[in-house]
Structure formats: C-alpha cells, structure tokens
C-alpha cells in the first residue's frame, strides 16, 4: 500500500533537508535518502564557510539571504550555526581584482600578513578581504533542519534509493527501497544523482555535471591563530583555514566525475602539501584525514530551482555547484513558496501570501528574480 504525501523530496543533503524544514507544517512531506545516513555525500564534506563574495552574482545574492535566515534562526538556538570568520583572497593584482566582488575590499600586503602571519611575503602581491564571511557549523545546521522538519510532521526515510517513478493521474508514484509512495510533487534534490533521478522518472536530463573537490585536515608545526581568516588563492589553486590546532587545506580542483562515493586520488593532497610548505610557514607534517566531495553544476553555473515545464509536478532543486550550504536557506525559501503556490504560479510564487502592489517585496521573490535574471527557464 503506497503512502500518500503532498510532496516527496529525494535527497537527504542540505538542499533536501532545508526544503523539508521549510515545507513541513504547510503540507504533508516525506524525504527519502538512498544512503543509510543523511548528508552522507557532499553535504558532509563541506569547507564549512559561507562567503558573500564567493561565486557568481546570483550565488552571492542567495548567500546574503541565506545568512539572514540562518542568523534569525541562530537567535532561537542555544548554540550558533554561524561564527564570524573573514575570507581573504591572495594572488597577483590582476587575479585578485578579477575575483573580488562588492563584498570584498582590497587590503595592503602588510595587512594581509598581519591577518595571516603564516604566509610567506613573496607568495602573493595583492589581497582582498571579505569581513562578512562566516564559519558554518554544518552538522548543527543539518540537524536543526532535520529536527524542525520532523517536529512539523515530515517523515524522513533513509536507506531508500529511488528505483522507479512515474506520473500517475495528477501526481507521482515512486518506489524507493522497500517502500511505495504517491505524491503530488516530486522534488529532485539528489545532488550528483539528479540527472539519474530524472532518467528514472522519465524526465529529460539537464546535463548536470559533478566535479571532484578534495580536502584534508593536516597536522602542522605552527598552528594558525583561531581568529585567522580562511585564505584562498585567486587562481583557484588552493585554500586553507584553521581547524582547531590543525589546518584544513584543499587544492580547489574541479575535475569532472560521474555520480559516485568519491575518494581522494593518490598524490592530490601530497602535491598541495609541498606547495603550501613553500608558500607558508605552517610546516605541514602529516594528514589526519582526507576526503573528496562532488560539486554538481549546470552548464551556466547557476543553481537550478523550479518546476520542469515538460514534466508536471517534477521540481528541480539541484546544481548548487559547491555553494550548497551558502545558498541552501534562500533556495529552500524560494522552492517552498513555489511548490506551495503550484506550477502555474511561476516566479511570482516567491511573493508569498498577502502580496499586494506597492507592498515590500518578499525576500523569496528577490531570490526568484536573481535566478530568473540569469536563467529564464531551467531548460534555457
């Protein structure tokens, strides 16, 4: 006997969980996750930094709204998800100027060395600083979304990989694990597997591409002060930040991959350690742990959110491209508004109930307009 829900979300990462918490209480919601635990793949392998100056214009807009929403929630929690931690970009004058946004201000070479004394003076010639950046307690944020969703009546089922999905009357019939579901709306929040879910559902793929990104926690001879900024190369060759008395490092690689449980490839972290031991005085001595996550992107690099015009009731929430946490709350706010309004409402769904001409624009509508300004349709 199939269980009936208004909305079935496929994917238990930050995208799916944040949407479940945004929707629950307004309609009946179930979330299914293929793995035995939530946030097993990319969402558990995050750099845990929300950076308003990082990414394309639309991503930066989504980040600002996400920070607003998380900060409002932090006021209600005994422990904060967000902790201020600046983000510093280093490189040549040209590369820093090309990557800096309105959220980042240029700083002098001497000021950059004050903020991060571990940098070798000759390793860079220019720097920019984003003081509106925050460290993100990703496990706490994920758990808060889960608790809020379940407290509002959402059902969350793990170990339930979707193996079938088809249109049935005005909704969808879905098989996941040993369970059967019927839902009016099927949300594709399957991350690197989003195109695979589309194929199972008989929906045309969007051509979403997963990319590898490796990181490691390393032991160092000279730990960074706890207040040190996250430091990234403007040419996208590395970033590092403090992690207690250790340091998190990444080569920032963008290597195409299929959807998989990604693992670090031999030599990737080792080569970065050699480079960082030349560019800094950290004195990296060894690797405690390393991991690889998948950043899944659309061809234009813009996150995908919206009903599929060719598949009624099929909603895409995918292609966050490594910006999942920093766009998650804004994307969930928008997606929830659009799903509750229904497919015919279009972007105006973001205006929310009670919108009237001349009224202050709802933040979800701002998010919708930011996305629409870049992509008129998810099949553009």
Protein backbone atom coordinates (compact mmCIF):
# COMPACT_ATOMS: atom_id res chain seq x y z
CA UNK A 1 0.00 0.00 0.00
CA UNK A 2 1.53 3.32 -1.06
CA UNK A 3 1.95 6.13 1.45
CA UNK A 4 0.42 9.43 0.29
CA UNK A 5 2.15 12.83 0.61
CA UNK A 6 1.73 16.23 -0.95
CA UNK A 7 5.49 16.44 -1.57
CA UNK A 8 8.17 13.75 -1.79
CA UNK A 9 11.76 15.05 -1.64
CA UNK A 10 14.51 12.82 -3.00
CA UNK A 11 17.86 13.59 -1.38
CA UNK A 12 18.88 13.99 2.25
CA UNK A 13 21.65 16.53 1.86
CA UNK A 14 21.49 20.21 2.77
CA UNK A 15 19.20 21.02 -0.20
CA UNK A 16 16.61 18.37 0.63
CA UNK A 17 16.71 18.83 4.40
CA UNK A 18 16.41 22.61 4.25
CA UNK A 19 13.42 22.31 1.92
CA UNK A 20 11.79 19.69 4.18
CA UNK A 21 12.06 22.03 7.16
CA UNK A 22 10.70 24.94 5.09
CA UNK A 23 7.69 22.95 3.80
CA UNK A 24 6.74 20.80 6.77
CA UNK A 25 3.69 22.10 8.58
CA UNK A 26 2.30 23.67 5.41
CA UNK A 27 1.74 20.34 3.61
CA UNK A 28 2.49 16.66 4.08
CA UNK A 29 6.14 15.93 3.33
CA UNK A 30 8.35 12.87 3.05
CA UNK A 31 12.07 12.83 2.34
CA UNK A 32 13.86 9.73 1.06
CA UNK A 33 17.62 9.25 1.09
CA UNK A 34 19.43 6.43 -0.69
CA UNK A 35 22.16 6.11 1.94
CA UNK A 36 21.71 4.78 5.46
CA UNK A 37 22.54 8.20 6.89
CA UNK A 38 21.60 11.73 5.94
CA UNK A 39 24.08 14.13 4.32
CA UNK A 40 26.45 11.26 3.55
CA UNK A 41 27.95 12.63 0.35
CA UNK A 42 28.77 16.28 -0.47
CA UNK A 43 26.94 17.82 2.48
CA UNK A 44 29.19 16.02 4.98
CA UNK A 45 32.31 17.10 3.05
CA UNK A 46 31.87 20.87 3.12
CA UNK A 47 34.52 23.52 3.75
CA UNK A 48 32.01 24.98 6.27
CA UNK A 49 32.41 28.60 5.25
CA UNK A 50 29.68 30.94 3.96
CA UNK A 51 31.26 33.66 1.81
CA UNK A 52 29.17 36.53 0.36
CA UNK A 53 31.99 37.41 -2.05
CA UNK A 54 32.33 33.87 -3.43
CA UNK A 55 30.72 32.69 -6.65
CA UNK A 56 28.65 34.21 -9.48
CA UNK A 57 26.43 37.23 -8.82
CA UNK A 58 23.31 35.12 -8.30
CA UNK A 59 25.11 32.87 -5.80
CA UNK A 60 26.28 35.90 -3.84
CA UNK A 61 22.67 37.17 -3.71
CA UNK A 62 21.49 33.79 -2.46
CA UNK A 63 24.29 33.73 0.12
CA UNK A 64 23.29 37.08 1.60
CA UNK A 65 19.70 35.88 2.04
CA UNK A 66 20.83 32.54 3.48
CA UNK A 67 22.96 34.35 6.05
CA UNK A 68 19.94 36.48 7.02
CA UNK A 69 17.77 33.40 7.52
CA UNK A 70 20.36 31.42 9.48
CA UNK A 71 21.17 34.42 11.68
CA UNK A 72 17.47 34.79 12.53
CA UNK A 73 17.33 31.10 13.43
CA UNK A 74 20.54 31.37 15.48
CA UNK A 75 18.76 33.81 17.78
CA UNK A 76 16.48 30.91 18.83
CA UNK A 77 19.17 28.23 19.26
CA UNK A 78 21.32 27.51 22.33
CA UNK A 79 24.36 27.19 20.03
CA UNK A 80 25.03 29.33 16.96
CA UNK A 81 25.43 27.88 13.48
CA UNK A 82 27.38 30.96 12.36
CA UNK A 83 30.68 32.26 13.73
CA UNK A 84 32.41 35.27 12.13
CA UNK A 85 35.48 34.27 10.15
CA UNK A 86 36.85 36.53 7.41
CA UNK A 87 37.76 35.30 3.95
CA UNK A 88 41.00 36.51 2.36
CA UNK A 89 41.89 36.22 -1.32
CA UNK A 90 45.55 36.40 -2.36
CA UNK A 91 47.37 36.44 -5.68
CA UNK A 92 48.50 38.88 -8.32
CA UNK A 93 46.91 42.30 -8.64
CA UNK A 94 45.10 41.15 -11.78
CA UNK A 95 43.80 37.85 -10.37
CA UNK A 96 42.54 39.37 -7.11
CA UNK A 97 40.84 42.23 -8.96
CA UNK A 98 39.15 39.73 -11.30
CA UNK A 99 37.81 37.57 -8.44
CA UNK A 100 36.88 40.26 -5.89
CA UNK A 101 33.23 41.29 -5.59
CA UNK A 102 31.37 44.12 -3.92
CA UNK A 103 31.54 42.21 -0.64
CA UNK A 104 35.34 42.24 -0.69
CA UNK A 105 37.69 45.16 -0.09
CA UNK A 106 41.34 45.38 -1.16
CA UNK A 107 43.87 45.33 1.67
CA UNK A 108 47.58 46.05 1.75
CA UNK A 109 50.24 43.38 1.59
CA UNK A 110 51.28 44.21 5.16
CA UNK A 111 47.69 43.93 6.42
CA UNK A 112 47.35 40.51 4.80
CA UNK A 113 50.48 39.34 6.59
CA UNK A 114 49.12 40.68 9.89
CA UNK A 115 45.93 38.70 9.42
CA UNK A 116 47.76 35.53 8.38
CA UNK A 117 51.41 35.60 9.53
CA UNK A 118 51.91 32.10 8.14
CA UNK A 119 52.04 33.48 4.59
CA UNK A 120 55.48 33.90 3.05
CA UNK A 121 55.70 37.58 1.94
CA UNK A 122 56.78 36.69 -1.58
CA UNK A 123 53.91 34.25 -2.10
CA UNK A 124 51.49 36.98 -3.27
CA UNK A 125 51.41 40.61 -4.34
CA UNK A 126 47.76 41.56 -3.70
CA UNK A 127 44.96 40.64 -1.34
CA UNK A 128 41.27 41.25 -0.70
CA UNK A 129 39.24 40.72 2.47
CA UNK A 130 35.60 39.79 3.00
CA UNK A 131 34.75 40.56 6.63
CA UNK A 132 31.12 39.47 6.19
CA UNK A 133 32.09 35.81 5.85
CA UNK A 134 31.14 33.21 8.45
CA UNK A 135 32.25 29.79 9.60
CA UNK A 136 29.29 27.41 9.44
CA UNK A 137 28.61 24.60 11.90
CA UNK A 138 27.33 22.32 9.14
CA UNK A 139 26.35 19.35 11.34
CA UNK A 140 24.35 21.63 13.62
CA UNK A 141 22.56 23.25 10.67
CA UNK A 142 21.72 19.87 9.13
CA UNK A 143 20.44 18.54 12.45
CA UNK A 144 18.34 21.65 13.06
CA UNK A 145 16.67 21.22 9.66
CA UNK A 146 16.02 17.55 10.40
CA UNK A 147 14.53 18.26 13.82
CA UNK A 148 12.36 21.10 12.55
CA UNK A 149 11.08 19.01 9.66
CA UNK A 150 10.20 16.02 11.82
CA UNK A 151 8.69 18.17 14.57
CA UNK A 152 6.35 19.66 11.94
CA UNK A 153 5.28 16.21 10.74
CA UNK A 154 7.69 15.36 7.92
CA UNK A 155 8.71 11.72 7.50
CA UNK A 156 12.40 11.09 6.77
CA UNK A 157 13.37 7.67 5.44
CA UNK A 158 16.99 6.59 4.91
CA UNK A 159 18.30 3.56 3.02
CA UNK A 160 15.59 4.12 0.40
CA UNK A 161 17.10 4.54 -3.06
CA UNK A 162 14.53 5.51 -5.70
CA UNK A 163 14.24 2.74 -8.29
CA UNK A 164 11.03 3.78 -10.06
CA UNK A 165 8.99 6.94 -10.59
CA UNK A 166 6.15 7.65 -12.97
CA UNK A 167 3.33 10.09 -13.46
CA UNK A 168 0.06 8.77 -12.04
CA UNK A 169 -3.02 10.91 -12.70
CA UNK A 170 -2.30 14.29 -11.16
CA UNK A 171 0.75 13.15 -9.21
CA UNK A 172 3.65 10.73 -9.00
CA UNK A 173 4.05 7.10 -7.97
CA UNK A 174 7.53 6.41 -6.58
CA UNK A 175 9.29 3.26 -5.46
CA UNK A 176 12.16 3.82 -3.00
CA UNK A 177 13.87 0.95 -1.22
CA UNK A 178 11.10 -1.37 0.01
CA UNK A 179 8.53 1.43 0.15
CA UNK A 180 5.96 2.83 -2.28
CA UNK A 181 4.86 6.46 -2.29
CA UNK A 182 2.33 8.66 -4.04
CA UNK A 183 2.92 12.40 -4.13
CA UNK A 184 1.57 15.45 -5.90
CA UNK A 185 5.05 16.92 -6.28
CA UNK A 186 8.32 15.04 -6.71
CA UNK A 187 11.35 17.14 -5.73
CA UNK A 188 14.68 16.24 -7.28
CA UNK A 189 17.27 17.21 -4.65
CA UNK A 190 19.51 14.25 -5.47
CA UNK A 191 22.75 16.19 -5.90
CA UNK A 192 25.22 14.39 -8.16
CA UNK A 193 22.47 11.86 -8.95
CA UNK A 194 19.91 14.50 -10.05
CA UNK A 195 20.13 13.64 -13.75
CA UNK A 196 19.95 9.93 -12.93
CA UNK A 197 16.73 10.52 -10.98
CA UNK A 198 15.35 12.44 -13.97
CA UNK A 199 16.01 9.44 -16.23
CA UNK A 200 14.30 7.08 -13.76
CA UNK A 201 11.34 9.47 -13.72
CA UNK A 202 11.10 9.71 -17.50
CA UNK A 203 12.19 13.37 -17.42
CA UNK A 204 14.75 14.87 -19.80
CA UNK A 205 18.15 15.37 -18.19
CA UNK A 206 19.55 18.87 -17.70
CA UNK A 207 23.16 17.87 -18.31
CA UNK A 208 24.26 18.48 -14.72
CA UNK A 209 27.96 17.71 -14.22
CA UNK A 210 29.55 16.60 -10.93
CA UNK A 211 33.11 17.81 -10.24
CA UNK A 212 35.58 16.49 -7.69
CA UNK A 213 36.86 18.68 -4.85
CA UNK A 214 39.33 17.21 -2.30
CA UNK A 215 40.20 18.48 1.16
CA UNK A 216 42.21 17.31 4.15
CA UNK A 217 42.85 18.07 7.81
CA UNK A 218 46.59 18.28 8.37
CA UNK A 219 48.87 18.44 11.37
CA UNK A 220 51.15 21.50 11.36
CA UNK A 221 54.25 22.59 13.21
CA UNK A 222 52.95 26.16 13.57
CA UNK A 223 49.13 26.28 14.08
CA UNK A 224 47.15 29.23 12.81
CA UNK A 225 45.60 31.54 15.41
CA UNK A 226 41.91 30.74 15.86
CA UNK A 227 40.87 34.15 14.52
CA UNK A 228 42.80 33.69 11.26
CA UNK A 229 40.79 34.14 8.07
CA UNK A 230 40.16 31.46 5.51
CA UNK A 231 42.79 32.10 2.81
CA UNK A 232 42.25 31.23 -0.85
CA UNK A 233 44.35 31.68 -3.96
CA UNK A 234 42.68 33.92 -6.53
CA UNK A 235 43.75 31.48 -9.27
CA UNK A 236 41.76 28.69 -7.56
CA UNK A 237 44.79 26.51 -6.77
CA UNK A 238 44.28 26.16 -3.00
CA UNK A 239 42.59 27.34 0.15
CA UNK A 240 43.26 26.77 3.83
CA UNK A 241 41.80 27.74 7.18
CA UNK A 242 42.28 26.88 10.87
CA UNK A 243 40.62 23.75 12.20
CA UNK A 244 41.36 23.88 15.93
CA UNK A 245 45.10 23.28 16.29
CA UNK A 246 45.15 21.72 12.83
CA UNK A 247 44.53 23.19 9.37
CA UNK A 248 42.01 22.35 6.66
CA UNK A 249 43.54 22.50 3.19
CA UNK A 250 42.20 21.96 -0.34
CA UNK A 251 43.71 22.09 -3.83
CA UNK A 252 40.37 23.50 -5.09
CA UNK A 253 40.43 21.12 -8.04
CA UNK A 254 37.48 20.95 -10.44
CA UNK A 255 37.75 17.55 -12.11
CA UNK A 256 34.73 16.06 -13.91
CA UNK A 257 33.32 12.90 -12.36
CA UNK A 258 30.37 10.60 -12.57
CA UNK A 259 28.00 10.38 -9.58
CA UNK A 260 29.89 8.27 -7.05
CA UNK A 261 31.05 7.96 -3.46
CA UNK A 262 34.17 9.98 -4.28
CA UNK A 263 37.52 9.29 -2.63
CA UNK A 264 40.83 11.23 -2.77
CA UNK A 265 43.14 10.27 -5.60
CA UNK A 266 46.79 9.47 -4.87
CA UNK A 267 49.11 12.45 -4.93
CA UNK A 268 46.49 15.23 -4.88
CA UNK A 269 46.92 16.22 -1.24
CA UNK A 270 50.62 15.34 -1.20
CA UNK A 271 51.36 17.78 -4.03
CA UNK A 272 49.39 20.52 -2.26
CA UNK A 273 51.35 19.96 0.95
CA UNK A 274 54.60 20.53 -0.94
CA UNK A 275 53.21 23.75 -2.41
CA UNK A 276 51.83 25.09 0.87
CA UNK A 277 55.05 24.32 2.71
CA UNK A 278 56.75 26.65 0.20
CA UNK A 279 54.12 29.39 0.36
CA UNK A 280 53.57 29.35 4.13
CA UNK A 281 55.40 28.68 7.39
CA UNK A 282 52.74 26.22 8.56
CA UNK A 283 55.16 23.32 8.43
CA UNK A 284 52.63 20.65 7.43
CA UNK A 285 53.77 17.36 8.97
CA UNK A 286 51.08 14.86 8.06
CA UNK A 287 47.48 14.18 7.07
CA UNK A 288 44.95 13.23 9.74
CA UNK A 289 42.06 12.68 7.34
CA UNK A 290 41.18 13.48 3.73
CA UNK A 291 38.00 13.35 1.68
CA UNK A 292 36.55 14.22 -1.72
CA UNK A 293 33.12 15.66 -2.40
CA UNK A 294 31.24 16.27 -5.64
CA UNK A 295 30.16 19.77 -6.70
CA UNK A 296 27.37 19.39 -9.24
CA UNK A 297 26.79 22.25 -11.71
CA UNK A 298 24.56 23.21 -14.60
CA UNK A 299 26.36 24.37 -17.74
CA UNK A 300 25.85 28.05 -16.83
CA UNK A 301 26.91 27.60 -13.21
CA UNK A 302 23.54 28.83 -11.89
CA UNK A 303 21.67 26.77 -9.28
CA UNK A 304 18.59 25.00 -10.63
CA UNK A 305 15.26 25.60 -8.89
CA UNK A 306 11.85 25.26 -10.49
CA UNK A 307 9.13 23.05 -11.92
CA UNK A 308 10.04 21.21 -15.09
CA UNK A 309 7.85 22.65 -17.85
CA UNK A 310 7.77 19.28 -19.61
CA UNK A 311 7.04 17.08 -16.57
CA UNK A 312 4.11 18.30 -14.43
CA UNK A 313 4.79 18.17 -10.70
CA UNK A 314 8.52 17.46 -11.12
CA UNK A 315 10.53 20.10 -9.22
CA UNK A 316 14.29 20.54 -9.66
CA UNK A 317 16.39 21.63 -6.66
CA UNK A 318 19.89 20.85 -7.85
CA UNK A 319 23.10 22.15 -9.40
CA UNK A 320 24.27 24.16 -6.37
CA UNK A 321 27.83 23.70 -7.62
CA UNK A 322 29.66 23.65 -4.30
CA UNK A 323 27.61 26.56 -2.94
CA UNK A 324 25.07 24.26 -1.29
CA UNK A 325 25.31 25.46 2.29
CA UNK A 326 25.71 29.12 1.45
CA UNK A 327 22.65 29.14 -0.81
CA UNK A 328 20.56 26.49 0.99
CA UNK A 329 18.18 28.55 3.11
CA UNK A 330 17.41 31.06 0.35
CA UNK A 331 16.86 28.25 -2.16
CA UNK A 332 14.58 26.41 0.28
CA UNK A 333 12.57 29.57 0.93
CA UNK A 334 12.07 30.07 -2.79
CA UNK A 335 11.35 26.41 -3.54
CA UNK A 336 8.81 26.11 -0.71
CA UNK A 337 6.97 29.22 -1.92
CA UNK A 338 6.85 27.95 -5.50
CA UNK A 339 5.80 24.41 -4.55
CA UNK A 340 3.00 25.64 -2.27
CA UNK A 341 1.78 28.03 -4.97
CA UNK A 342 1.87 25.32 -7.63
CA UNK A 343 3.43 25.02 -11.10
CA UNK A 344 1.27 27.67 -12.74
CA UNK A 345 2.33 30.43 -10.37
CA UNK A 346 5.82 30.83 -11.86
CA UNK A 347 8.28 33.15 -10.15
CA UNK A 348 5.50 35.21 -8.61
CA UNK A 349 5.11 32.37 -6.11
CA UNK A 350 8.07 33.82 -4.29
CA UNK A 351 5.98 36.83 -3.33
CA UNK A 352 4.13 34.76 -0.78
CA UNK A 353 0.61 35.07 0.58
CA UNK A 354 -0.75 38.56 1.04
CA UNK A 355 1.49 40.23 -1.55
CA UNK A 356 -0.12 43.33 -3.00
CA UNK A 357 1.01 46.01 -5.45
CA UNK A 358 3.25 48.51 -3.73
CA UNK A 359 3.96 46.18 -0.77
CA UNK A 360 7.53 45.48 0.27
CA UNK A 361 8.93 42.70 -1.89
CA UNK A 362 9.18 39.31 -0.19
CA UNK A 363 12.78 38.02 0.09
CA UNK A 364 11.85 34.79 -1.72
CA UNK A 365 10.72 36.92 -4.64
CA UNK A 366 14.10 38.67 -4.66
CA UNK A 367 15.74 35.25 -4.84
CA UNK A 368 13.48 34.20 -7.71
CA UNK A 369 14.30 37.37 -9.61
CA UNK A 370 18.02 36.86 -9.04
CA UNK A 371 17.76 33.40 -10.58
CA UNK A 372 15.41 34.50 -13.36
CA UNK A 373 17.76 37.30 -14.37
CA UNK A 374 20.34 34.66 -15.26
CA UNK A 375 18.19 31.79 -16.45
CA UNK A 376 14.72 32.39 -17.89
CA UNK A 377 13.87 28.72 -17.64
CA UNK A 378 15.54 25.63 -16.21
CA UNK A 379 15.78 24.39 -19.79
CA UNK A 380 17.32 27.53 -21.20
